[in-house]
Amino acid sequence: MTADPKNILVIDDDPDVHEALKLILEPAGYKLVCVSTGQEGLDTVKADPPDVILLDIMLSSPSEGFHLAYELRKDEAEARIPIIMISSIGETMGMDYAKELGSEYVPAEKFLEKPLKASVVLEAVKEVLAGKSE
């Protein structure tokens, strides 16, 4: 990692996910800010835009993460922030959201299924950051 760590915003209502992602990403040199609601996430993005957003789909409602992603994609500056959606909803609902990535339906660069695997999370973050800098 460079001397200037990349900032990652985690928006997930599960404190265990916050802790797990800190254990995975902070040793790799990333700086994490964790919030529990979509509104906190939106406020954080507007106050201090992160380099990457890890966004749970099911927050206070089953689709709040989608609505937040749609809102972020409306603003030109915020639309450039890569979003990695994280959820168990795909498996629970029997849907493959990864097939819809980048579409109007799933406005994200990556979709990771919970439970999260450390190597998969690290690779996804590296990939979206590499794509952002190109």
N, C-alpha and C. Protein backbone atom coordinates (compact mmCIF):
# COMPACT_ATOMS: atom_id res chain seq x y z
N MET A 1 0.84 -1.18 0.00
CA MET A 1 0.00 0.00 0.00
C MET A 1 0.88 1.24 0.00
N THR A 2 0.35 2.30 -0.48
CA THR A 2 1.08 3.56 -0.48
C THR A 2 0.99 4.21 0.88
N ALA A 3 1.73 5.30 1.05
CA ALA A 3 1.70 6.03 2.32
C ALA A 3 0.34 6.67 2.56
N ASP A 4 -0.41 6.91 1.47
CA ASP A 4 -1.73 7.51 1.58
C ASP A 4 -2.79 6.40 1.49
N PRO A 5 -3.29 5.93 2.64
CA PRO A 5 -4.23 4.80 2.60
C PRO A 5 -5.54 5.16 1.90
N LYS A 6 -6.09 4.18 1.23
CA LYS A 6 -7.39 4.35 0.58
C LYS A 6 -8.48 4.23 1.64
N ASN A 7 -9.47 5.09 1.51
CA ASN A 7 -10.58 5.13 2.48
C ASN A 7 -11.74 4.27 1.98
N ILE A 8 -12.23 3.42 2.87
CA ILE A 8 -13.35 2.55 2.55
C ILE A 8 -14.48 2.85 3.53
N LEU A 9 -15.66 3.08 2.98
CA LEU A 9 -16.85 3.27 3.79
C LEU A 9 -17.64 1.98 3.79
N VAL A 10 -17.89 1.45 4.98
CA VAL A 10 -18.70 0.24 5.14
C VAL A 10 -20.07 0.67 5.65
N ILE A 11 -21.11 0.32 4.91
CA ILE A 11 -22.48 0.63 5.31
C ILE A 11 -23.18 -0.72 5.52
N ASP A 12 -23.30 -1.11 6.77
CA ASP A 12 -23.88 -2.41 7.12
C ASP A 12 -24.45 -2.30 8.53
N ASP A 13 -25.61 -2.86 8.76
CA ASP A 13 -26.24 -2.75 10.07
C ASP A 13 -25.77 -3.81 11.07
N ASP A 14 -24.82 -4.64 10.69
CA ASP A 14 -24.32 -5.70 11.55
C ASP A 14 -22.92 -5.34 12.08
N PRO A 15 -22.79 -5.07 13.38
CA PRO A 15 -21.48 -4.71 13.94
C PRO A 15 -20.44 -5.81 13.76
N ASP A 16 -20.88 -7.07 13.67
CA ASP A 16 -19.93 -8.16 13.43
C ASP A 16 -19.30 -8.04 12.04
N VAL A 17 -20.07 -7.58 11.07
CA VAL A 17 -19.52 -7.37 9.72
C VAL A 17 -18.50 -6.24 9.77
N HIS A 18 -18.80 -5.18 10.50
CA HIS A 18 -17.84 -4.08 10.66
C HIS A 18 -16.51 -4.62 11.18
N GLU A 19 -16.58 -5.41 12.25
CA GLU A 19 -15.35 -5.94 12.86
C GLU A 19 -14.61 -6.88 11.91
N ALA A 20 -15.35 -7.74 11.23
CA ALA A 20 -14.72 -8.67 10.29
C ALA A 20 -14.01 -7.92 9.17
N LEU A 21 -14.66 -6.90 8.63
CA LEU A 21 -14.04 -6.14 7.53
C LEU A 21 -12.83 -5.36 8.02
N LYS A 22 -12.88 -4.86 9.24
CA LYS A 22 -11.70 -4.18 9.80
C LYS A 22 -10.54 -5.16 9.91
N LEU A 23 -10.82 -6.38 10.37
CA LEU A 23 -9.76 -7.39 10.51
C LEU A 23 -9.18 -7.80 9.15
N ILE A 24 -10.00 -7.75 8.13
CA ILE A 24 -9.55 -8.12 6.78
C ILE A 24 -8.79 -6.97 6.11
N LEU A 25 -9.34 -5.76 6.17
CA LEU A 25 -8.85 -4.65 5.34
C LEU A 25 -7.81 -3.74 6.01
N GLU A 26 -7.93 -3.50 7.30
CA GLU A 26 -6.97 -2.60 7.95
C GLU A 26 -5.54 -3.13 7.91
N PRO A 27 -5.30 -4.43 8.14
CA PRO A 27 -3.92 -4.92 8.02
C PRO A 27 -3.34 -4.78 6.61
N ALA A 28 -4.22 -4.68 5.60
CA ALA A 28 -3.77 -4.49 4.22
C ALA A 28 -3.51 -3.02 3.91
N GLY A 29 -3.70 -2.15 4.90
CA GLY A 29 -3.37 -0.74 4.73
C GLY A 29 -4.54 0.17 4.40
N TYR A 30 -5.75 -0.34 4.45
CA TYR A 30 -6.92 0.48 4.16
C TYR A 30 -7.44 1.13 5.44
N LYS A 31 -8.04 2.31 5.28
CA LYS A 31 -8.67 3.01 6.40
C LYS A 31 -10.18 2.85 6.26
N LEU A 32 -10.83 2.33 7.32
CA LEU A 32 -12.27 2.07 7.27
C LEU A 32 -13.06 3.03 8.15
N VAL A 33 -14.21 3.42 7.63
CA VAL A 33 -15.23 4.12 8.41
C VAL A 33 -16.46 3.24 8.28
N CYS A 34 -17.05 2.87 9.41
CA CYS A 34 -18.22 1.99 9.42
C CYS A 34 -19.44 2.71 9.96
N VAL A 35 -20.55 2.61 9.23
CA VAL A 35 -21.82 3.17 9.67
C VAL A 35 -22.89 2.09 9.52
N SER A 36 -24.03 2.32 10.19
CA SER A 36 -25.06 1.28 10.26
C SER A 36 -26.33 1.55 9.47
N THR A 37 -26.50 2.76 8.96
CA THR A 37 -27.73 3.07 8.22
C THR A 37 -27.41 3.73 6.89
N GLY A 38 -28.38 3.66 6.01
CA GLY A 38 -28.22 4.30 4.70
C GLY A 38 -28.04 5.80 4.83
N GLN A 39 -28.80 6.43 5.73
CA GLN A 39 -28.68 7.88 5.90
C GLN A 39 -27.30 8.27 6.42
N GLU A 40 -26.77 7.49 7.39
CA GLU A 40 -25.41 7.76 7.88
C GLU A 40 -24.41 7.60 6.74
N GLY A 41 -24.64 6.60 5.91
CA GLY A 41 -23.75 6.39 4.76
C GLY A 41 -23.79 7.55 3.80
N LEU A 42 -24.98 8.01 3.47
CA LEU A 42 -25.13 9.14 2.56
C LEU A 42 -24.48 10.39 3.14
N ASP A 43 -24.72 10.65 4.42
CA ASP A 43 -24.11 11.81 5.08
C ASP A 43 -22.58 11.73 5.06
N THR A 44 -22.06 10.54 5.29
CA THR A 44 -20.60 10.34 5.30
C THR A 44 -20.01 10.56 3.91
N VAL A 45 -20.67 10.04 2.90
CA VAL A 45 -20.20 10.22 1.52
C VAL A 45 -20.15 11.70 1.16
N LYS A 46 -21.18 12.44 1.53
CA LYS A 46 -21.23 13.87 1.21
C LYS A 46 -20.18 14.66 1.99
N ALA A 47 -19.90 14.27 3.24
CA ALA A 47 -18.94 15.00 4.07
C ALA A 47 -17.50 14.66 3.71
N ASP A 48 -17.22 13.40 3.40
CA ASP A 48 -15.85 12.95 3.13
C ASP A 48 -15.92 11.75 2.18
N PRO A 49 -15.99 12.00 0.88
CA PRO A 49 -16.16 10.90 -0.07
C PRO A 49 -15.06 9.84 0.05
N PRO A 50 -15.46 8.58 0.17
CA PRO A 50 -14.48 7.50 0.28
C PRO A 50 -13.96 7.10 -1.11
N ASP A 51 -12.97 6.23 -1.11
CA ASP A 51 -12.46 5.69 -2.37
C ASP A 51 -13.29 4.50 -2.84
N VAL A 52 -13.90 3.80 -1.89
CA VAL A 52 -14.73 2.62 -2.17
C VAL A 52 -15.83 2.55 -1.11
N ILE A 53 -17.00 2.04 -1.53
CA ILE A 53 -18.09 1.80 -0.58
C ILE A 53 -18.41 0.31 -0.59
N LEU A 54 -18.44 -0.28 0.61
CA LEU A 54 -18.94 -1.64 0.79
C LEU A 54 -20.34 -1.49 1.37
N LEU A 55 -21.35 -1.90 0.61
CA LEU A 55 -22.74 -1.58 0.92
C LEU A 55 -23.59 -2.83 1.06
N ASP A 56 -24.16 -3.01 2.24
CA ASP A 56 -25.12 -4.09 2.47
C ASP A 56 -26.43 -3.71 1.79
N ILE A 57 -27.16 -4.68 1.29
CA ILE A 57 -28.44 -4.41 0.66
C ILE A 57 -29.54 -4.27 1.70
N MET A 58 -29.59 -5.20 2.64
CA MET A 58 -30.66 -5.23 3.63
C MET A 58 -30.25 -4.46 4.88
N LEU A 59 -30.70 -3.22 4.97
CA LEU A 59 -30.42 -2.38 6.14
C LEU A 59 -31.72 -2.26 6.92
N SER A 60 -32.29 -1.07 7.03
CA SER A 60 -33.54 -0.93 7.78
C SER A 60 -34.74 -1.49 6.99
N SER A 61 -34.56 -1.65 5.69
CA SER A 61 -35.58 -2.31 4.86
C SER A 61 -34.84 -3.29 3.94
N PRO A 62 -35.54 -4.25 3.38
CA PRO A 62 -34.87 -5.26 2.55
C PRO A 62 -34.16 -4.71 1.31
N SER A 63 -34.50 -3.51 0.89
CA SER A 63 -33.87 -2.97 -0.33
C SER A 63 -33.20 -1.61 -0.12
N GLU A 64 -32.97 -1.22 1.13
CA GLU A 64 -32.40 0.10 1.39
C GLU A 64 -31.05 0.30 0.70
N GLY A 65 -30.25 -0.74 0.64
CA GLY A 65 -28.94 -0.63 -0.02
C GLY A 65 -29.08 -0.28 -1.49
N PHE A 66 -30.05 -0.91 -2.16
CA PHE A 66 -30.30 -0.58 -3.57
C PHE A 66 -30.69 0.88 -3.71
N HIS A 67 -31.59 1.34 -2.85
CA HIS A 67 -32.05 2.73 -2.94
C HIS A 67 -30.91 3.71 -2.69
N LEU A 68 -30.03 3.38 -1.76
CA LEU A 68 -28.87 4.24 -1.50
C LEU A 68 -27.94 4.25 -2.72
N ALA A 69 -27.71 3.11 -3.32
CA ALA A 69 -26.86 3.05 -4.51
C ALA A 69 -27.46 3.89 -5.64
N TYR A 70 -28.79 3.79 -5.83
CA TYR A 70 -29.45 4.61 -6.87
C TYR A 70 -29.23 6.10 -6.59
N GLU A 71 -29.37 6.48 -5.32
CA GLU A 71 -29.20 7.88 -4.93
C GLU A 71 -27.77 8.35 -5.21
N LEU A 72 -26.80 7.52 -4.87
CA LEU A 72 -25.39 7.89 -5.09
C LEU A 72 -25.07 8.02 -6.58
N ARG A 73 -25.70 7.21 -7.41
CA ARG A 73 -25.42 7.25 -8.85
C ARG A 73 -26.02 8.48 -9.53
N LYS A 74 -26.94 9.17 -8.87
CA LYS A 74 -27.54 10.38 -9.44
C LYS A 74 -26.57 11.56 -9.48
N ASP A 75 -25.66 11.62 -8.53
CA ASP A 75 -24.72 12.74 -8.42
C ASP A 75 -23.44 12.40 -9.18
N GLU A 76 -22.99 13.31 -10.04
CA GLU A 76 -21.84 13.03 -10.91
C GLU A 76 -20.58 12.65 -10.12
N ALA A 77 -20.27 13.39 -9.07
CA ALA A 77 -19.07 13.10 -8.28
C ALA A 77 -19.22 11.79 -7.51
N GLU A 78 -20.36 11.59 -6.89
CA GLU A 78 -20.59 10.37 -6.11
C GLU A 78 -20.71 9.14 -7.00
N ALA A 79 -21.15 9.32 -8.22
CA ALA A 79 -21.31 8.20 -9.15
C ALA A 79 -19.96 7.56 -9.49
N ARG A 80 -18.88 8.28 -9.30
CA ARG A 80 -17.53 7.75 -9.61
C ARG A 80 -16.99 6.85 -8.50
N ILE A 81 -17.63 6.85 -7.33
CA ILE A 81 -17.15 6.03 -6.22
C ILE A 81 -17.59 4.59 -6.47
N PRO A 82 -16.64 3.66 -6.55
CA PRO A 82 -17.03 2.27 -6.76
C PRO A 82 -17.81 1.71 -5.58
N ILE A 83 -18.84 0.95 -5.89
CA ILE A 83 -19.66 0.31 -4.86
C ILE A 83 -19.50 -1.20 -4.99
N ILE A 84 -19.21 -1.83 -3.85
CA ILE A 84 -19.21 -3.28 -3.75
C ILE A 84 -20.38 -3.63 -2.85
N MET A 85 -21.40 -4.26 -3.42
CA MET A 85 -22.55 -4.67 -2.62
C MET A 85 -22.22 -5.98 -1.93
N ILE A 86 -22.62 -6.06 -0.66
CA ILE A 86 -22.40 -7.27 0.13
C ILE A 86 -23.73 -7.68 0.74
N SER A 87 -24.08 -8.95 0.59
CA SER A 87 -25.36 -9.38 1.14
C SER A 87 -25.51 -10.88 1.06
N SER A 88 -26.40 -11.38 1.87
CA SER A 88 -26.80 -12.79 1.76
C SER A 88 -28.14 -12.89 1.04
N ILE A 89 -28.66 -11.76 0.59
CA ILE A 89 -29.98 -11.74 -0.04
C ILE A 89 -30.04 -12.57 -1.32
N GLY A 90 -28.96 -12.59 -2.07
CA GLY A 90 -28.96 -13.36 -3.32
C GLY A 90 -29.22 -14.83 -3.08
N GLU A 91 -28.48 -15.38 -2.12
CA GLU A 91 -28.65 -16.79 -1.79
C GLU A 91 -30.02 -17.02 -1.15
N THR A 92 -30.41 -16.13 -0.25
CA THR A 92 -31.70 -16.25 0.44
C THR A 92 -32.86 -16.21 -0.55
N MET A 93 -32.78 -15.30 -1.50
CA MET A 93 -33.87 -15.11 -2.45
C MET A 93 -33.71 -15.97 -3.71
N GLY A 94 -32.58 -16.66 -3.83
CA GLY A 94 -32.34 -17.48 -5.01
C GLY A 94 -32.07 -16.66 -6.26
N MET A 95 -31.46 -15.48 -6.07
CA MET A 95 -31.19 -14.61 -7.21
C MET A 95 -29.68 -14.41 -7.36
N ASP A 96 -29.23 -14.26 -8.59
CA ASP A 96 -27.81 -14.02 -8.87
C ASP A 96 -27.65 -12.56 -9.27
N TYR A 97 -27.41 -11.71 -8.26
CA TYR A 97 -27.27 -10.28 -8.52
C TYR A 97 -26.02 -9.96 -9.31
N ALA A 98 -25.01 -10.81 -9.24
CA ALA A 98 -23.76 -10.55 -9.96
C ALA A 98 -24.01 -10.44 -11.47
N LYS A 99 -25.01 -11.14 -11.98
CA LYS A 99 -25.32 -11.07 -13.42
C LYS A 99 -25.83 -9.69 -13.82
N GLU A 100 -26.35 -8.93 -12.85
CA GLU A 100 -26.95 -7.63 -13.13
C GLU A 100 -26.00 -6.46 -12.83
N LEU A 101 -24.75 -6.76 -12.47
CA LEU A 101 -23.81 -5.69 -12.09
C LEU A 101 -23.68 -4.64 -13.19
N GLY A 102 -23.60 -3.39 -12.75
CA GLY A 102 -23.43 -2.29 -13.69
C GLY A 102 -24.70 -1.89 -14.41
N SER A 103 -25.76 -2.61 -14.19
CA SER A 103 -27.03 -2.28 -14.83
C SER A 103 -27.76 -1.25 -13.97
N GLU A 104 -28.87 -0.79 -14.50
CA GLU A 104 -29.70 0.13 -13.72
C GLU A 104 -30.25 -0.57 -12.49
N TYR A 105 -30.44 -1.88 -12.60
CA TYR A 105 -31.00 -2.66 -11.50
C TYR A 105 -30.01 -2.84 -10.35
N VAL A 106 -28.75 -3.11 -10.65
CA VAL A 106 -27.71 -3.28 -9.63
C VAL A 106 -26.56 -2.32 -9.95
N PRO A 107 -26.67 -1.08 -9.48
CA PRO A 107 -25.66 -0.06 -9.80
C PRO A 107 -24.41 -0.20 -8.92
N ALA A 108 -23.65 -1.27 -9.17
CA ALA A 108 -22.45 -1.54 -8.39
C ALA A 108 -21.41 -2.19 -9.29
N GLU A 109 -20.15 -2.11 -8.85
CA GLU A 109 -19.07 -2.72 -9.62
C GLU A 109 -18.89 -4.20 -9.28
N LYS A 110 -19.23 -4.56 -8.05
CA LYS A 110 -19.05 -5.94 -7.58
C LYS A 110 -20.22 -6.30 -6.67
N PHE A 111 -20.48 -7.60 -6.57
CA PHE A 111 -21.45 -8.12 -5.62
C PHE A 111 -20.80 -9.30 -4.91
N LEU A 112 -20.70 -9.22 -3.58
CA LEU A 112 -20.11 -10.29 -2.79
C LEU A 112 -21.17 -10.91 -1.90
N GLU A 113 -21.22 -12.21 -1.91
CA GLU A 113 -22.19 -12.96 -1.12
C GLU A 113 -21.63 -13.19 0.28
N LYS A 114 -22.49 -12.97 1.30
CA LYS A 114 -22.13 -13.28 2.67
C LYS A 114 -22.38 -14.77 2.90
N PRO A 115 -21.62 -15.43 3.74
CA PRO A 115 -20.53 -14.88 4.54
C PRO A 115 -19.32 -14.52 3.66
N LEU A 116 -18.69 -13.42 4.03
CA LEU A 116 -17.58 -12.89 3.25
C LEU A 116 -16.30 -13.70 3.50
N LYS A 117 -15.54 -13.88 2.44
CA LYS A 117 -14.24 -14.54 2.54
C LYS A 117 -13.16 -13.47 2.40
N ALA A 118 -12.18 -13.48 3.29
CA ALA A 118 -11.14 -12.44 3.33
C ALA A 118 -10.48 -12.25 1.97
N SER A 119 -10.07 -13.32 1.33
CA SER A 119 -9.36 -13.21 0.05
C SER A 119 -10.25 -12.59 -1.03
N VAL A 120 -11.52 -12.91 -1.01
CA VAL A 120 -12.46 -12.39 -2.01
C VAL A 120 -12.68 -10.88 -1.78
N VAL A 121 -12.81 -10.48 -0.52
CA VAL A 121 -13.00 -9.06 -0.20
C VAL A 121 -11.77 -8.26 -0.63
N LEU A 122 -10.59 -8.73 -0.27
CA LEU A 122 -9.35 -8.02 -0.63
C LEU A 122 -9.21 -7.90 -2.14
N GLU A 123 -9.48 -8.97 -2.86
CA GLU A 123 -9.37 -8.95 -4.32
C GLU A 123 -10.38 -7.98 -4.94
N ALA A 124 -11.61 -7.99 -4.43
CA ALA A 124 -12.64 -7.10 -4.96
C ALA A 124 -12.26 -5.63 -4.76
N VAL A 125 -11.76 -5.30 -3.58
CA VAL A 125 -11.35 -3.92 -3.30
C VAL A 125 -10.21 -3.52 -4.23
N LYS A 126 -9.22 -4.39 -4.38
CA LYS A 126 -8.09 -4.09 -5.27
C LYS A 126 -8.56 -3.87 -6.70
N GLU A 127 -9.47 -4.72 -7.15
CA GLU A 127 -9.98 -4.62 -8.54
C GLU A 127 -10.72 -3.31 -8.78
N VAL A 128 -11.62 -2.94 -7.87
CA VAL A 128 -12.39 -1.70 -8.11
C VAL A 128 -11.49 -0.48 -8.00
N LEU A 129 -10.50 -0.52 -7.11
CA LEU A 129 -9.57 0.61 -7.03
C LEU A 129 -8.72 0.70 -8.28
N ALA A 130 -8.31 -0.42 -8.83
CA ALA A 130 -7.52 -0.41 -10.07
C ALA A 130 -8.36 0.14 -11.23
N GLY A 131 -9.62 -0.23 -11.28
CA GLY A 131 -10.51 0.26 -12.33
C GLY A 131 -10.78 1.74 -12.19
N LYS A 132 -10.81 2.22 -10.95
CA LYS A 132 -11.08 3.64 -10.69
C LYS A 132 -9.93 4.51 -11.14
N SER A 133 -8.71 3.97 -11.02
CA SER A 133 -7.54 4.80 -11.34
C SER A 133 -7.18 4.80 -12.82
N GLU A 134 -7.83 3.92 -13.59
CA GLU A 134 -7.50 3.84 -15.02
C GLU A 134 -8.04 5.02 -15.78
